[in-house]
């Protein structure tokens, strides 16, 4: 996952509570009960994720392991009884790390210090830079603006997260912070992970999924504290950094994996449920996004095992290239646009690090809230552990984004992960021992219930927004600035 969100999403048109609460209950109670028992008794999400982690390891897009993961998903869906399983190929600029070193030295001294470091994805294939270090704090727009005349030609030091954030402050993605550094003329970026324990974090530093012109690296929290202390001690003799790295990049073909369950009455209307199958290469990506992608496959298994035939077509999608710039979901959205089928996608649901959900996210669409609450009420009757906690906020940086900025309605699940699990985000500790089997089953069963309800509801109120309504929606959700930084704001005011 490119930035932490635990959701999968929805949007909508006009509706009343009465129009949906009454028709839902008689038909859904029984189906939800069957889904509940099937998953509790026969779920294979944990076992298949463990098996894939052991057989394949990491699932980096463009690597041999990535190709193995694609084949694993394809074969598993066929094994679950899907006849219509296909690969959707797309071309990507793959990136793989090679060597990276970071050396800190005072301007007038040979007192070199080596710092443990990891390169951030889409850094140059060959970079050797030296420059004065300048601390830009949290790296938000205001932080850069306050130091705009001091940054050119220097190496910026910036937090990946927010250190002592003010109330309501919204962080930027590491790629957006790097983009701001490039815009201000920096020669390199050193990002500080704020998770204690000498945890090194990776992820893309590119907003486009293409190579960036300057190196961007990550150091551990403890290294950041030590570096800032040294900078304070050496105020009269500025510290310099030397970043040396080599990486590999080439054009390759990657593949989304798609299994289709045809709709029984409205086959031309689709609900897309997806989760990215790819992961970074420092560990096996059990949480990001093993729990999401293998939940999607187990939801597909559940539908087949119960012979569920909802009104609308359901497409179960395992995206590749999410970590390197939402490449697979961008490709799928563009394919739908070229074929004129994007309007057929009534909702897109995305499971990215979604774990142990307790409610549903309307993702900024107020008129969707009554329908989602009514669905959640039926889930709660099936299992009181589902508290039906509603949320209504939108976010970026996962595979829902390409659909969302084209106006497609999105639906999310409100999940949670323990702090010690979150601390391994994109890090070398994201392994199978972090996965809670019972919580993973909760993700599968509750998400399967919501998916079925949306696919089978007689009249879905939401339609794809036109371009003007999409723009207004994104502005209202506070997403204009990050999209502008990423050069994804297509509207000219």
Protein backbone atom coordinates (compact mmCIF):
# COMPACT_ATOMS: atom_id res chain seq x y z
CA UNK A 1 0.00 0.00 0.00
CA UNK A 2 1.32 3.41 -0.88
CA UNK A 3 -0.10 5.11 2.18
CA UNK A 4 -1.89 3.68 5.15
CA UNK A 5 -5.65 3.37 4.81
CA UNK A 6 -7.76 0.49 6.02
CA UNK A 7 -10.77 0.62 3.79
CA UNK A 8 -12.78 -0.41 0.75
CA UNK A 9 -15.30 2.23 -0.44
CA UNK A 10 -18.79 3.65 -1.92
CA UNK A 11 -20.80 6.63 -3.29
CA UNK A 12 -24.37 7.35 -4.21
CA UNK A 13 -27.34 9.38 -5.41
CA UNK A 14 -30.62 10.19 -3.68
CA UNK A 15 -32.26 7.67 -1.41
CA UNK A 16 -34.35 7.37 1.71
CA UNK A 17 -33.74 5.09 4.65
CA UNK A 18 -37.15 3.46 4.27
CA UNK A 19 -36.47 2.57 0.63
CA UNK A 20 -33.58 0.35 1.60
CA UNK A 21 -33.93 -0.85 5.19
CA UNK A 22 -37.16 -2.76 4.62
CA UNK A 23 -36.31 -4.60 1.35
CA UNK A 24 -32.86 -5.55 2.59
CA UNK A 25 -33.73 -7.45 5.75
CA UNK A 26 -35.83 -10.42 4.55
CA UNK A 27 -33.45 -11.44 1.78
CA UNK A 28 -30.13 -10.67 3.47
CA UNK A 29 -30.60 -12.27 6.90
CA UNK A 30 -30.46 -15.79 5.51
CA UNK A 31 -27.66 -15.12 3.01
CA UNK A 32 -25.53 -13.35 5.61
CA UNK A 33 -25.97 -16.30 7.96
CA UNK A 34 -24.76 -18.69 5.27
CA UNK A 35 -21.77 -16.48 4.47
CA UNK A 36 -20.97 -16.27 8.17
CA UNK A 37 -20.93 -20.01 8.68
CA UNK A 38 -19.05 -20.74 5.46
CA UNK A 39 -16.20 -18.39 6.31
CA UNK A 40 -15.97 -19.39 9.96
CA UNK A 41 -15.84 -23.09 9.06
CA UNK A 42 -14.01 -23.18 5.72
CA UNK A 43 -12.04 -19.95 5.14
CA UNK A 44 -8.74 -20.48 3.33
CA UNK A 45 -7.42 -16.91 3.50
CA UNK A 46 -4.90 -17.51 6.29
CA UNK A 47 -3.70 -20.85 4.96
CA UNK A 48 -3.23 -19.68 1.37
CA UNK A 49 -1.44 -16.49 2.47
CA UNK A 50 0.90 -18.54 4.64
CA UNK A 51 1.52 -20.96 1.79
CA UNK A 52 2.23 -18.20 -0.73
CA UNK A 53 4.51 -16.40 1.73
CA UNK A 54 6.57 -19.55 2.17
CA UNK A 55 6.64 -20.57 -1.49
CA UNK A 56 7.06 -17.16 -3.10
CA UNK A 57 8.37 -14.69 -0.52
CA UNK A 58 7.94 -11.05 -1.48
CA UNK A 59 5.71 -10.15 -4.44
CA UNK A 60 7.51 -7.20 -6.03
CA UNK A 61 6.01 -6.16 -9.37
CA UNK A 62 8.38 -6.88 -12.24
CA UNK A 63 10.39 -9.48 -10.33
CA UNK A 64 10.29 -13.26 -10.82
CA UNK A 65 8.48 -13.43 -7.47
CA UNK A 66 5.84 -11.04 -8.77
CA UNK A 67 5.18 -13.29 -11.76
CA UNK A 68 4.90 -16.30 -9.43
CA UNK A 69 2.35 -14.44 -7.32
CA UNK A 70 0.25 -13.66 -10.40
CA UNK A 71 0.26 -17.35 -11.37
CA UNK A 72 -0.56 -18.40 -7.80
CA UNK A 73 -3.63 -16.15 -7.72
CA UNK A 74 -4.78 -17.26 -11.19
CA UNK A 75 -4.53 -20.95 -10.30
CA UNK A 76 -6.19 -20.49 -6.92
CA UNK A 77 -9.22 -18.77 -8.43
CA UNK A 78 -9.51 -21.52 -11.03
CA UNK A 79 -9.28 -24.06 -8.22
CA UNK A 80 -12.18 -22.29 -6.49
CA UNK A 81 -14.37 -22.97 -9.53
CA UNK A 82 -14.13 -19.78 -11.60
CA UNK A 83 -14.10 -20.53 -15.32
CA UNK A 84 -13.71 -16.89 -16.31
CA UNK A 85 -10.29 -16.05 -14.89
CA UNK A 86 -7.99 -13.90 -16.97
CA UNK A 87 -4.78 -11.94 -16.89
CA UNK A 88 -4.89 -8.27 -17.80
CA UNK A 89 -1.38 -7.31 -18.88
CA UNK A 90 0.01 -3.81 -18.66
CA UNK A 91 3.45 -2.35 -19.20
CA UNK A 92 5.30 -0.83 -16.28
CA UNK A 93 8.64 0.71 -15.60
CA UNK A 94 9.84 -1.82 -13.05
CA UNK A 95 12.24 -0.82 -10.30
CA UNK A 96 14.47 -3.00 -8.15
CA UNK A 97 17.04 -1.93 -5.58
CA UNK A 98 20.74 -2.71 -5.76
CA UNK A 99 23.20 -0.78 -3.57
CA UNK A 100 22.73 2.28 -1.38
CA UNK A 101 24.97 4.07 1.11
CA UNK A 102 24.56 7.27 3.11
CA UNK A 103 27.58 9.04 4.56
CA UNK A 104 27.40 12.08 6.82
CA UNK A 105 30.41 14.42 7.16
CA UNK A 106 30.98 17.97 8.39
CA UNK A 107 31.85 20.46 5.66
CA UNK A 108 35.42 20.98 6.91
CA UNK A 109 36.20 17.60 8.41
CA UNK A 110 36.95 14.03 7.49
CA UNK A 111 34.87 12.73 10.39
CA UNK A 112 32.73 10.48 8.21
CA UNK A 113 29.82 8.56 9.68
CA UNK A 114 27.96 5.80 7.84
CA UNK A 115 24.22 5.60 8.44
CA UNK A 116 22.07 2.55 7.76
CA UNK A 117 19.78 3.41 4.89
CA UNK A 118 17.39 1.96 2.33
CA UNK A 119 16.61 3.50 -1.06
CA UNK A 120 13.06 4.55 -1.83
CA UNK A 121 11.59 3.16 -5.02
CA UNK A 122 11.96 4.95 -8.35
CA UNK A 123 15.11 6.68 -7.22
CA UNK A 124 17.63 6.94 -10.10
CA UNK A 125 19.41 3.86 -11.41
CA UNK A 126 22.72 5.58 -10.67
CA UNK A 127 23.13 8.52 -8.28
CA UNK A 128 26.12 10.02 -6.51
CA UNK A 129 25.33 13.32 -4.83
CA UNK A 130 26.88 15.41 -2.09
CA UNK A 131 25.22 18.40 -0.51
CA UNK A 132 24.55 20.32 2.66
CA UNK A 133 21.74 18.89 4.76
CA UNK A 134 18.80 21.16 5.46
CA UNK A 135 16.05 20.10 7.87
CA UNK A 136 12.55 20.69 6.45
CA UNK A 137 10.77 19.08 9.40
CA UNK A 138 7.52 17.36 8.43
CA UNK A 139 7.91 18.34 4.77
CA UNK A 140 4.46 19.84 4.32
CA UNK A 141 3.85 22.62 1.83
CA UNK A 142 4.24 25.28 4.51
CA UNK A 143 7.52 23.77 5.72
CA UNK A 144 8.98 23.94 2.23
CA UNK A 145 7.58 27.42 1.60
CA UNK A 146 9.19 28.76 4.79
CA UNK A 147 12.63 27.63 3.54
CA UNK A 148 12.15 27.96 -0.20
CA UNK A 149 15.22 30.20 -0.70
CA UNK A 150 17.51 27.78 1.17
CA UNK A 151 16.72 24.42 -0.47
CA UNK A 152 18.19 24.60 -3.99
CA UNK A 153 21.15 22.28 -4.41
CA UNK A 154 20.84 20.84 -0.90
CA UNK A 155 19.76 17.51 0.54
CA UNK A 156 16.55 17.86 2.52
CA UNK A 157 15.93 16.00 5.76
CA UNK A 158 12.22 15.32 6.25
CA UNK A 159 9.96 13.15 8.40
CA UNK A 160 7.90 10.48 6.68
CA UNK A 161 5.13 11.05 9.23
CA UNK A 162 4.16 14.03 11.34
CA UNK A 163 6.27 14.78 14.40
CA UNK A 164 4.18 16.62 17.03
CA UNK A 165 1.43 17.39 14.53
CA UNK A 166 -1.00 20.23 15.13
CA UNK A 167 -4.64 19.26 15.50
CA UNK A 168 -6.22 18.55 12.13
CA UNK A 169 -2.89 18.54 10.28
CA UNK A 170 -2.95 16.26 7.24
CA UNK A 171 0.23 14.45 6.29
CA UNK A 172 1.51 14.12 2.74
CA UNK A 173 2.64 10.91 1.10
CA UNK A 174 6.39 10.37 0.86
CA UNK A 175 6.15 10.74 -2.91
CA UNK A 176 4.46 14.13 -2.52
CA UNK A 177 7.14 15.28 -0.09
CA UNK A 178 9.78 14.19 -2.59
CA UNK A 179 7.92 15.99 -5.39
CA UNK A 180 7.99 19.19 -3.35
CA UNK A 181 11.74 18.74 -2.78
CA UNK A 182 12.26 18.38 -6.53
CA UNK A 183 10.13 21.45 -7.23
CA UNK A 184 12.30 23.48 -4.83
CA UNK A 185 15.53 22.32 -6.46
CA UNK A 186 16.83 19.87 -3.84
CA UNK A 187 19.58 17.47 -4.91
CA UNK A 188 18.45 14.61 -2.67
CA UNK A 189 16.03 13.56 0.08
CA UNK A 190 16.65 11.82 3.40
CA UNK A 191 13.40 10.67 5.01
CA UNK A 192 13.20 9.77 8.70
CA UNK A 193 10.95 6.91 9.77
CA UNK A 194 9.23 7.91 13.02
CA UNK A 195 8.76 4.32 14.24
CA UNK A 196 11.29 3.44 17.02
CA UNK A 197 13.26 0.21 16.86
CA UNK A 198 15.69 0.85 13.99
CA UNK A 199 12.98 0.06 11.46
CA UNK A 200 13.85 0.86 7.84
CA UNK A 201 10.90 1.59 5.60
CA UNK A 202 10.66 1.48 1.83
CA UNK A 203 8.04 2.55 -0.71
CA UNK A 204 7.85 4.67 -3.80
CA UNK A 205 9.14 8.25 -3.85
CA UNK A 206 7.48 8.91 -7.21
CA UNK A 207 4.01 10.37 -7.70
CA UNK A 208 3.87 9.02 -11.26
CA UNK A 209 5.43 5.56 -10.99
CA UNK A 210 8.34 6.76 -13.16
CA UNK A 211 11.95 7.37 -12.15
CA UNK A 212 12.60 10.58 -10.25
CA UNK A 213 15.66 12.76 -10.98
CA UNK A 214 17.13 12.80 -7.45
CA UNK A 215 17.85 10.05 -4.91
CA UNK A 216 15.42 9.60 -2.04
CA UNK A 217 16.31 7.38 0.91
CA UNK A 218 14.95 6.38 4.32
CA UNK A 219 16.77 6.19 7.65
CA UNK A 220 15.56 4.84 10.98
CA UNK A 221 14.08 6.99 13.74
CA UNK A 222 17.17 6.55 15.93
CA UNK A 223 19.44 7.62 13.07
CA UNK A 224 17.28 10.68 12.51
CA UNK A 225 17.49 11.68 16.18
CA UNK A 226 21.28 11.28 16.14
CA UNK A 227 21.62 13.22 12.89
CA UNK A 228 19.53 16.13 14.11
CA UNK A 229 21.53 16.24 17.36
CA UNK A 230 24.76 16.37 15.37
CA UNK A 231 23.35 19.12 13.16
CA UNK A 232 22.53 21.17 16.27
CA UNK A 233 26.05 20.70 17.58
CA UNK A 234 27.63 21.69 14.25
CA UNK A 235 25.63 24.84 13.54
CA UNK A 236 28.70 26.81 12.44
CA UNK A 237 29.96 23.98 10.24
CA UNK A 238 27.05 22.56 8.29
CA UNK A 239 26.80 18.81 7.89
CA UNK A 240 26.91 17.35 4.41
CA UNK A 241 25.52 14.07 3.15
CA UNK A 242 26.79 11.82 0.41
CA UNK A 243 24.22 9.52 -1.17
CA UNK A 244 25.52 6.79 -3.46
CA UNK A 245 23.12 4.30 -5.01
CA UNK A 246 22.56 1.99 -7.93
CA UNK A 247 19.23 0.44 -8.88
CA UNK A 248 17.68 -1.46 -11.78
CA UNK A 249 14.84 -0.26 -13.97
CA UNK A 250 13.38 -1.53 -17.22
CA UNK A 251 10.07 -1.84 -19.03
CA UNK A 252 8.28 -5.08 -18.23
CA UNK A 253 4.77 -6.49 -18.47
CA UNK A 254 2.89 -7.20 -15.27
CA UNK A 255 -0.58 -8.73 -14.93
CA UNK A 256 -3.70 -8.01 -12.94
CA UNK A 257 -5.63 -11.20 -12.21
CA UNK A 258 -9.41 -10.97 -12.67
CA UNK A 259 -12.14 -13.52 -11.92
CA UNK A 260 -15.67 -12.69 -13.09
CA UNK A 261 -18.94 -13.86 -11.57
CA UNK A 262 -21.70 -12.94 -14.09
CA UNK A 263 -24.76 -11.14 -12.77
CA UNK A 264 -28.01 -13.08 -12.77
CA UNK A 265 -30.27 -10.15 -13.76
CA UNK A 266 -28.06 -7.10 -14.42
CA UNK A 267 -24.93 -8.57 -16.01
CA UNK A 268 -23.87 -5.23 -17.52
CA UNK A 269 -23.69 -3.58 -14.10
CA UNK A 270 -20.52 -4.37 -12.18
CA UNK A 271 -19.21 -4.26 -8.65
CA UNK A 272 -15.41 -4.34 -8.70
CA UNK A 273 -13.73 -5.63 -5.54
CA UNK A 274 -9.96 -5.45 -5.53
CA UNK A 275 -6.84 -5.69 -3.45
CA UNK A 276 -3.25 -5.30 -4.54
CA UNK A 277 -1.31 -8.53 -4.72
CA UNK A 278 2.14 -6.96 -5.05
CA UNK A 279 4.36 -6.09 -2.11
CA UNK A 280 7.72 -4.53 -1.38
CA UNK A 281 10.81 -6.67 -1.21
CA UNK A 282 12.14 -6.11 2.33
CA UNK A 283 9.84 -8.83 3.70
CA UNK A 284 6.90 -10.92 2.45
CA UNK A 285 4.16 -8.28 2.58
CA UNK A 286 1.85 -10.33 4.80
CA UNK A 287 -0.03 -7.26 6.04
CA UNK A 288 0.57 -4.99 3.03
CA UNK A 289 -1.26 -6.38 1.27
CA UNK A 290 -1.45 -10.10 1.88
CA UNK A 291 -4.41 -9.74 4.21
CA UNK A 292 -6.30 -7.67 1.63
CA UNK A 293 -5.55 -9.61 -1.54
CA UNK A 294 -5.99 -13.05 0.00
CA UNK A 295 -9.26 -11.86 1.58
CA UNK A 296 -10.49 -10.93 -1.91
CA UNK A 297 -9.68 -14.44 -3.13
CA UNK A 298 -11.39 -16.03 -0.13
CA UNK A 299 -14.48 -13.88 -0.67
CA UNK A 300 -14.50 -15.20 -4.24
CA UNK A 301 -14.18 -18.75 -2.89
CA UNK A 302 -17.11 -18.11 -0.51
CA UNK A 303 -19.38 -16.89 -3.32
CA UNK A 304 -18.58 -19.99 -5.35
CA UNK A 305 -18.92 -22.40 -2.42
CA UNK A 306 -22.38 -21.03 -1.62
CA UNK A 307 -23.36 -20.77 -5.30
CA UNK A 308 -24.33 -17.14 -4.76
CA UNK A 309 -25.74 -15.45 -7.86
CA UNK A 310 -26.29 -11.74 -7.16
CA UNK A 311 -28.10 -9.53 -9.65
CA UNK A 312 -24.96 -7.67 -10.73
CA UNK A 313 -21.69 -8.96 -12.11
CA UNK A 314 -18.84 -9.08 -9.61
CA UNK A 315 -15.24 -8.76 -10.71
CA UNK A 316 -12.68 -9.99 -8.20
CA UNK A 317 -9.39 -8.24 -9.01
CA UNK A 318 -5.85 -8.80 -7.78
CA UNK A 319 -3.95 -5.67 -8.78
CA UNK A 320 -0.22 -5.59 -9.44
CA UNK A 321 1.93 -2.46 -9.40
CA UNK A 322 0.05 -0.67 -6.62
CA UNK A 323 3.19 -0.06 -4.60
CA UNK A 324 4.97 1.40 -7.61
CA UNK A 325 2.28 3.95 -8.45
CA UNK A 326 -1.20 2.31 -8.66
CA UNK A 327 -0.10 0.97 -12.02
CA UNK A 328 -2.48 -1.97 -12.30
CA UNK A 329 -5.58 -0.06 -11.22
CA UNK A 330 -4.66 2.83 -13.52
CA UNK A 331 -4.38 0.36 -16.40
CA UNK A 332 -7.75 -1.20 -15.59
CA UNK A 333 -9.48 2.18 -15.34
CA UNK A 334 -7.98 3.29 -18.66
CA UNK A 335 -9.10 0.03 -20.26
CA UNK A 336 -12.66 0.63 -19.07
CA UNK A 337 -12.53 4.20 -20.43
CA UNK A 338 -11.24 3.11 -23.84
CA UNK A 339 -13.99 0.51 -24.17
CA UNK A 340 -16.69 2.88 -22.93
CA UNK A 341 -17.50 0.56 -20.01
CA UNK A 342 -16.55 2.73 -17.05
CA UNK A 343 -20.20 3.72 -16.49
CA UNK A 344 -20.97 0.02 -15.98
CA UNK A 345 -18.87 0.01 -12.80
CA UNK A 346 -21.46 0.92 -10.19
CA UNK A 347 -19.10 0.63 -7.21
CA UNK A 348 -15.45 -0.08 -6.58
CA UNK A 349 -14.46 -1.76 -3.32
CA UNK A 350 -10.82 -1.87 -2.27
CA UNK A 351 -9.23 -3.99 0.46
CA UNK A 352 -5.81 -2.59 1.30
CA UNK A 353 -4.52 -3.59 4.74
CA UNK A 354 -8.18 -3.91 5.74
CA UNK A 355 -8.30 -5.90 8.97
CA UNK A 356 -11.02 -6.81 11.47
CA UNK A 357 -13.59 -4.29 10.21
CA UNK A 358 -16.23 -2.85 12.53
CA UNK A 359 -18.10 -0.59 10.10
CA UNK A 360 -18.44 0.80 6.60
CA UNK A 361 -17.05 3.99 5.06
CA UNK A 362 -19.27 6.03 2.70
CA UNK A 363 -16.12 7.80 1.49
CA UNK A 364 -17.51 11.29 1.48
CA UNK A 365 -20.84 10.54 -0.17
CA UNK A 366 -23.50 11.65 2.33
CA UNK A 367 -26.41 10.15 0.41
CA UNK A 368 -24.85 6.71 0.65
CA UNK A 369 -24.90 6.62 4.44
CA UNK A 370 -28.50 5.29 4.93
CA UNK A 371 -27.96 2.32 2.62
CA UNK A 372 -24.64 1.38 4.23
CA UNK A 373 -26.11 1.70 7.70
CA UNK A 374 -28.99 -0.58 6.78
CA UNK A 375 -26.54 -3.18 5.43
CA UNK A 376 -24.45 -2.84 8.58
CA UNK A 377 -27.52 -3.32 10.75
CA UNK A 378 -28.18 -6.70 9.14
CA UNK A 379 -24.52 -7.69 9.60
CA UNK A 380 -24.78 -6.70 13.26
CA UNK A 381 -27.83 -8.94 13.65
CA UNK A 382 -25.75 -11.78 12.22
CA UNK A 383 -22.79 -11.05 14.49
CA UNK A 384 -22.89 -8.49 17.32
CA UNK A 385 -19.12 -8.17 17.07
CA UNK A 386 -19.68 -5.93 14.07
CA UNK A 387 -20.48 -2.58 15.72
CA UNK A 388 -21.58 -0.86 12.49
CA UNK A 389 -19.40 2.19 13.14
CA UNK A 390 -20.01 4.49 10.20
CA UNK A 391 -17.42 6.72 8.60
CA UNK A 392 -17.62 9.16 5.72
CA UNK A 393 -14.21 10.33 4.51
CA UNK A 394 -12.17 9.93 1.36
CA UNK A 395 -8.45 9.32 0.92
CA UNK A 396 -5.84 8.63 -1.73
CA UNK A 397 -2.93 6.31 -2.46
CA UNK A 398 -4.51 2.94 -3.04
CA UNK A 399 -6.17 1.20 -5.97
CA UNK A 400 -9.54 2.93 -5.49
CA UNK A 401 -7.92 6.25 -6.48
CA UNK A 402 -7.94 5.90 -10.30
CA UNK A 403 -11.61 4.91 -10.17
CA UNK A 404 -12.50 7.66 -7.70
CA UNK A 405 -10.97 10.51 -9.69
CA UNK A 406 -13.02 9.35 -12.67
CA UNK A 407 -16.19 9.72 -10.62
CA UNK A 408 -16.82 6.02 -9.87
CA UNK A 409 -18.53 5.47 -6.48
CA UNK A 410 -16.27 3.92 -3.85
CA UNK A 411 -17.06 1.90 -0.62
CA UNK A 412 -14.76 1.24 2.35
CA UNK A 413 -14.55 -0.99 5.41
CA UNK A 414 -13.43 0.56 8.71
CA UNK A 415 -10.77 -1.76 10.04
CA UNK A 416 -8.00 -1.63 12.60
CA UNK A 417 -4.48 -2.95 13.12
CA UNK A 418 -2.43 -3.11 16.31
CA UNK A 419 0.31 -0.51 16.75
CA UNK A 420 3.07 -3.10 16.56
CA UNK A 421 1.66 -4.26 13.21
CA UNK A 422 1.44 -0.74 11.81
CA UNK A 423 5.05 -0.15 12.83
CA UNK A 424 6.08 -2.77 10.26
CA UNK A 425 4.40 -0.92 7.38
CA UNK A 426 6.63 -1.24 4.28
CA UNK A 427 9.40 -2.53 6.56
CA UNK A 428 11.54 -5.63 6.88
CA UNK A 429 9.27 -6.99 9.63
CA UNK A 430 6.06 -7.29 7.56
CA UNK A 431 5.82 -11.06 7.83
CA UNK A 432 3.26 -13.77 8.49
CA UNK A 433 3.66 -13.67 12.29
CA UNK A 434 1.78 -10.34 12.25
CA UNK A 435 -1.39 -11.84 10.77
CA UNK A 436 -4.24 -12.64 13.16
CA UNK A 437 -6.20 -15.59 11.75
CA UNK A 438 -9.50 -14.77 13.45
CA UNK A 439 -9.34 -11.10 12.46
CA UNK A 440 -8.60 -12.12 8.89
CA UNK A 441 -11.76 -14.26 8.90
CA UNK A 442 -13.67 -11.21 10.13
CA UNK A 443 -12.40 -9.24 7.14
CA UNK A 444 -13.56 -11.97 4.77
CA UNK A 445 -17.01 -12.56 6.21
CA UNK A 446 -18.05 -8.94 6.82
CA UNK A 447 -16.66 -7.77 3.49
CA UNK A 448 -18.37 -10.65 1.68
CA UNK A 449 -21.68 -9.62 3.24
CA UNK A 450 -21.33 -6.00 2.12
CA UNK A 451 -20.26 -7.09 -1.36
CA UNK A 452 -23.23 -9.38 -1.74
CA UNK A 453 -25.66 -6.72 -0.54
CA UNK A 454 -24.34 -4.16 -3.02
CA UNK A 455 -24.29 -6.66 -5.88
CA UNK A 456 -27.81 -7.89 -5.17
CA UNK A 457 -29.68 -4.74 -4.05
CA UNK A 458 -32.48 -4.13 -6.52
CA UNK A 459 -31.89 -0.39 -7.01
CA UNK A 460 -28.48 1.08 -6.29
CA UNK A 461 -28.79 4.84 -5.90
CA UNK A 462 -25.23 5.80 -6.87
CA UNK A 463 -24.08 6.61 -10.36
CA UNK A 464 -20.72 7.72 -11.65
CA UNK A 465 -20.19 11.47 -11.19
CA UNK A 466 -19.69 13.60 -14.26
CA UNK A 467 -16.48 15.60 -14.53
CA UNK A 468 -17.80 18.71 -12.79
CA UNK A 469 -19.31 16.81 -9.86
CA UNK A 470 -16.11 14.78 -9.52
CA UNK A 471 -14.05 17.96 -9.27
CA UNK A 472 -16.38 19.44 -6.66
CA UNK A 473 -16.37 16.19 -4.68
CA UNK A 474 -12.57 15.99 -4.60
CA UNK A 475 -12.32 19.62 -3.49
CA UNK A 476 -14.87 19.05 -0.73
CA UNK A 477 -12.84 16.07 0.49
CA UNK A 478 -9.67 18.18 0.70
CA UNK A 479 -7.90 16.18 -2.02
CA UNK A 480 -7.13 18.93 -4.50
CA UNK A 481 -3.72 19.90 -3.05
CA UNK A 482 -2.20 16.39 -2.96
CA UNK A 483 -3.56 15.67 -6.44
CA UNK A 484 -2.02 18.91 -7.72
CA UNK A 485 1.34 17.99 -6.18
CA UNK A 486 1.08 14.64 -7.95
CA UNK A 487 0.17 16.34 -11.26
CA UNK A 488 -3.14 14.45 -11.28
CA UNK A 489 -5.44 17.47 -11.06
CA UNK A 490 -6.80 17.64 -14.58
CA UNK A 491 -9.11 20.62 -14.14
CA UNK A 492 -7.94 24.04 -15.29
CA UNK A 493 -9.44 26.90 -13.30
